[in-house]
Protein backbone atom coordinates (compact mmCIF):
# COMPACT_ATOMS: atom_id res chain seq x y z
CA UNK A 1 0.00 0.00 0.00
CA UNK A 2 2.87 2.40 0.73
CA UNK A 3 4.21 1.78 -2.77
CA UNK A 4 1.07 3.25 -4.35
CA UNK A 5 1.35 6.40 -2.24
CA UNK A 6 4.99 6.83 -3.27
CA UNK A 7 4.01 6.68 -6.94
CA UNK A 8 1.08 9.07 -6.59
CA UNK A 9 2.87 11.88 -4.73
CA UNK A 10 2.32 14.58 -7.32
CA UNK A 11 2.11 18.26 -6.49
CA UNK A 12 -0.97 19.35 -8.41
CA UNK A 13 -0.58 23.01 -7.46
CA UNK A 14 2.90 23.10 -9.01
CA UNK A 15 1.59 21.48 -12.20
CA UNK A 16 -1.15 24.10 -12.43
CA UNK A 17 1.27 26.99 -11.84
CA UNK A 18 3.48 25.81 -14.71
CA UNK A 19 0.58 24.99 -17.03
CA UNK A 20 0.84 26.29 -20.59
CA UNK A 21 -2.87 27.21 -20.81
CA UNK A 22 -6.24 26.72 -19.10
CA UNK A 23 -7.07 23.51 -20.96
CA UNK A 24 -4.17 21.84 -19.13
CA UNK A 25 -5.99 22.55 -15.85
CA UNK A 26 -9.00 20.57 -17.08
CA UNK A 27 -6.76 17.63 -17.98
CA UNK A 28 -5.09 17.64 -14.56
CA UNK A 29 -8.50 17.75 -12.86
CA UNK A 30 -9.84 14.86 -14.95
CA UNK A 31 -6.66 12.87 -14.32
CA UNK A 32 -7.11 13.27 -10.57
CA UNK A 33 -10.79 12.29 -10.62
CA UNK A 34 -10.54 9.17 -12.83
CA UNK A 35 -9.02 6.85 -10.16
CA UNK A 36 -11.81 7.69 -7.70
CA UNK A 37 -14.49 7.16 -10.35
CA UNK A 38 -13.04 3.75 -11.20
CA UNK A 39 -12.93 2.70 -7.53
CA UNK A 40 -16.53 3.81 -6.94
CA UNK A 41 -17.65 2.05 -10.12
CA UNK A 42 -15.96 -1.21 -9.09
CA UNK A 43 -17.47 -0.99 -5.60
CA UNK A 44 -20.96 -0.42 -7.04
CA UNK A 45 -20.53 -3.34 -9.45
CA UNK A 46 -19.46 -5.67 -6.62
CA UNK A 47 -22.35 -4.49 -4.46
CA UNK A 48 -24.88 -5.22 -7.23
CA UNK A 49 -23.44 -8.69 -7.87
CA UNK A 50 -23.61 -9.53 -4.17
CA UNK A 51 -27.16 -8.19 -3.91
CA UNK A 52 -28.34 -10.23 -6.92
CA UNK A 53 -26.68 -13.35 -5.57
CA UNK A 54 -28.38 -12.87 -2.20
CA UNK A 55 -31.80 -12.39 -3.84
CA UNK A 56 -31.43 -15.61 -5.87
CA UNK A 57 -30.99 -17.73 -2.74
């Protein structure tokens, strides 16, 4: 788990300060949101599978 945190230590404020234009800010924001969206999507998918399995029994 510590390995993941070492890889993801990125200073977003510094990236935004050195951004070439405002569209870069949108890309940085989307890049930071995608991992959370994927985790929430996987959790929802697992919840639905477990719920369906429980209803079948």
